[in-house]
Amino acid sequence: MATAKHVMKRILMMLAGYLVAVLVGLISIAAIYAVLSSLPNSPNYFDVIGVSPIAVLVVPPLGMFVYFLTIVVTALQTLIFALVAEFFSLRNVLLHMVFGAGAAVAGFALIWPSVPEDMDTQRWVDIGIIAAAGLVAGLLYWLIAGRDAGFRRPLLER
């Protein structure tokens, strides 16, 4: 039987893990675009996209807007997965990473609803980059909250 203290601890760990994972996911998107724009013979598209993280750093309200927008578009699917992981005590790192990538791509689809009609090579690259950032965010979420997932109280309290 789960105690109220343990359940509250798990909910706070889920929230903290999610907020930090979103921030690290956004940073990893900027890092991936920066690396891709520095490769030889990279398309000009990466140079244009590589400027936006600088704008987010220079204008903090814009950075907060991007952070909260990301939270809004990924919150529901992440909450569903986090609750499933807690109820069934799913602690597999790869599972958390895959669901992080899925939540990130689903959030991208919510922001850009015409993606199925606009599927050119740049959209596929964007989806791949966002999925890679979701993998990183899922890994970080697992490190913070997923390793000890489960509303059931462990036999030995740490």
Protein backbone atom coordinates (compact mmCIF):
# COMPACT_ATOMS: atom_id res chain seq x y z
CA MET A 1 0.00 0.00 0.00
CA ALA A 2 1.36 3.37 -0.95
CA THR A 3 1.69 5.99 1.70
CA ALA A 4 0.73 9.58 1.02
CA LYS A 5 4.28 10.74 1.70
CA HIS A 6 5.73 8.37 -0.89
CA VAL A 7 3.12 9.32 -3.52
CA MET A 8 3.76 13.05 -2.99
CA LYS A 9 7.50 12.44 -3.27
CA ARG A 10 6.98 10.60 -6.57
CA ILE A 11 4.73 13.36 -7.94
CA LEU A 12 7.30 16.02 -7.07
CA MET A 13 10.07 13.94 -8.65
CA MET A 14 7.95 13.55 -11.80
CA LEU A 15 7.39 17.31 -11.99
CA ALA A 16 11.03 18.18 -11.36
CA GLY A 17 12.20 15.58 -13.85
CA TYR A 18 9.81 16.87 -16.50
CA LEU A 19 10.76 20.55 -16.08
CA VAL A 20 14.49 19.81 -16.20
CA ALA A 21 14.07 17.39 -19.11
CA VAL A 22 12.23 20.04 -21.16
CA LEU A 23 15.02 22.54 -20.54
CA VAL A 24 17.74 20.05 -21.47
CA GLY A 25 15.76 18.97 -24.53
CA LEU A 26 15.61 22.57 -25.76
CA ILE A 27 19.32 23.01 -25.14
CA SER A 28 20.05 19.81 -27.04
CA ILE A 29 18.00 21.03 -30.03
CA ALA A 30 20.14 24.18 -30.12
CA ALA A 31 23.32 22.11 -29.79
CA ILE A 32 22.32 19.70 -32.57
CA TYR A 33 21.50 22.57 -34.95
CA ALA A 34 24.79 24.28 -34.06
CA VAL A 35 26.77 21.12 -34.79
CA LEU A 36 24.92 20.52 -38.06
CA SER A 37 25.46 24.10 -39.23
CA SER A 38 29.21 23.78 -38.63
CA LEU A 39 29.60 20.70 -40.82
CA PRO A 40 31.17 21.22 -44.24
CA ASN A 41 28.69 21.50 -47.13
CA SER A 42 25.75 21.89 -44.74
CA PRO A 43 22.65 23.53 -46.22
CA ASN A 44 21.98 27.20 -45.48
CA TYR A 45 18.85 26.07 -43.65
CA PHE A 46 20.95 25.03 -40.64
CA ASP A 47 22.65 28.44 -40.52
CA VAL A 48 19.28 30.21 -40.34
CA ILE A 49 17.96 27.85 -37.66
CA GLY A 50 21.26 28.13 -35.75
CA VAL A 51 20.62 31.85 -35.14
CA SER A 52 17.38 31.29 -33.20
CA PRO A 53 19.05 29.88 -30.05
CA ILE A 54 21.19 33.02 -29.90
CA ALA A 55 18.03 35.13 -30.11
CA VAL A 56 16.50 33.12 -27.27
CA LEU A 57 19.59 33.74 -25.12
CA VAL A 58 19.76 37.46 -25.92
CA VAL A 59 16.05 38.08 -25.29
CA PRO A 60 15.10 36.23 -22.08
CA PRO A 61 11.32 36.76 -22.45
CA LEU A 62 11.54 34.98 -25.80
CA GLY A 63 13.40 32.11 -24.11
CA MET A 64 10.74 31.84 -21.41
CA PHE A 65 8.03 31.87 -24.10
CA VAL A 66 9.71 29.00 -25.95
CA TYR A 67 10.16 27.07 -22.68
CA PHE A 68 6.52 27.47 -21.62
CA LEU A 69 5.26 26.75 -25.14
CA THR A 70 7.24 23.52 -25.10
CA ILE A 71 5.75 22.63 -21.72
CA VAL A 72 2.23 23.30 -23.00
CA VAL A 73 2.56 21.17 -26.15
CA THR A 74 4.30 18.21 -24.47
CA ALA A 75 2.60 18.15 -21.07
CA LEU A 76 -0.36 15.88 -21.80
CA GLN A 77 1.49 13.06 -23.53
CA THR A 78 4.29 13.22 -20.96
CA LEU A 79 1.81 13.12 -18.08
CA ILE A 80 0.11 10.06 -19.54
CA PHE A 81 3.42 8.22 -19.92
CA ALA A 82 4.67 9.28 -16.49
CA LEU A 83 1.51 8.02 -14.81
CA VAL A 84 1.67 4.72 -16.70
CA ALA A 85 5.34 4.38 -15.70
CA GLU A 86 4.50 5.08 -12.07
CA PHE A 87 1.49 2.76 -11.88
CA PHE A 88 3.31 -0.15 -13.52
CA SER A 89 6.76 0.68 -12.07
CA LEU A 90 8.36 0.89 -15.51
CA ARG A 91 12.04 1.66 -14.94
CA ASN A 92 13.63 0.82 -18.29
CA VAL A 93 15.86 3.65 -19.58
CA LEU A 94 15.18 2.85 -23.24
CA LEU A 95 11.44 3.00 -22.67
CA HIS A 96 11.74 6.44 -21.10
CA MET A 97 13.93 7.62 -23.98
CA VAL A 98 11.52 6.35 -26.64
CA PHE A 99 8.57 7.99 -24.95
CA GLY A 100 10.57 11.21 -24.61
CA ALA A 101 11.19 11.17 -28.35
CA GLY A 102 7.53 10.41 -29.01
CA ALA A 103 6.38 13.25 -26.76
CA ALA A 104 8.75 15.67 -28.48
CA VAL A 105 7.61 14.69 -31.99
CA ALA A 106 3.96 14.83 -30.93
CA GLY A 107 4.55 18.32 -29.51
CA PHE A 108 6.13 19.35 -32.83
CA ALA A 109 3.08 18.00 -34.64
CA LEU A 110 0.83 20.11 -32.40
CA ILE A 111 2.78 23.27 -33.23
CA TRP A 112 2.93 22.49 -36.95
CA PRO A 113 -0.38 20.75 -37.77
CA SER A 114 0.24 20.80 -41.54
CA VAL A 115 3.35 18.59 -41.26
CA PRO A 116 1.74 15.66 -43.18
CA GLU A 117 1.17 17.95 -46.18
CA ASP A 118 4.56 19.71 -45.90
CA MET A 119 6.75 16.62 -45.74
CA ASP A 120 9.88 17.67 -47.59
CA THR A 121 13.43 16.81 -46.57
CA GLN A 122 13.72 19.77 -44.19
CA ARG A 123 10.68 18.61 -42.19
CA TRP A 124 12.15 15.10 -41.92
CA VAL A 125 15.41 16.59 -40.66
CA ASP A 126 13.51 18.72 -38.13
CA ILE A 127 11.53 15.72 -36.91
CA GLY A 128 14.74 13.69 -36.53
CA ILE A 129 16.46 16.47 -34.59
CA ILE A 130 13.47 16.93 -32.31
CA ALA A 131 13.24 13.16 -31.76
CA ALA A 132 16.96 13.08 -30.86
CA ALA A 133 16.40 15.90 -28.37
CA GLY A 134 13.45 13.92 -26.98
CA LEU A 135 15.75 10.94 -26.50
CA VAL A 136 18.11 13.12 -24.47
CA ALA A 137 15.19 14.56 -22.47
CA GLY A 138 13.84 11.05 -21.80
CA LEU A 139 17.25 9.95 -20.56
CA LEU A 140 17.43 12.91 -18.20
CA TYR A 141 13.89 12.28 -16.97
CA TRP A 142 14.86 8.68 -16.26
CA LEU A 143 17.92 9.84 -14.30
CA ILE A 144 15.80 12.16 -12.14
CA ALA A 145 12.49 10.34 -11.74
CA GLY A 146 12.35 7.16 -13.81
CA ARG A 147 14.92 4.97 -12.07
CA ASP A 148 12.72 4.68 -8.99
CA ALA A 149 9.36 4.81 -10.77
CA GLY A 150 6.46 3.31 -8.91
CA PHE A 151 3.77 4.60 -6.59
CA ARG A 152 4.15 1.48 -4.51
CA ARG A 153 6.39 2.04 -1.58
CA PRO A 154 9.70 0.15 -1.85
CA LEU A 155 10.45 -2.55 0.69
CA LEU A 156 13.54 -0.75 1.96
CA GLU A 157 13.14 3.00 2.38
CA ARG A 158 16.29 4.90 1.50
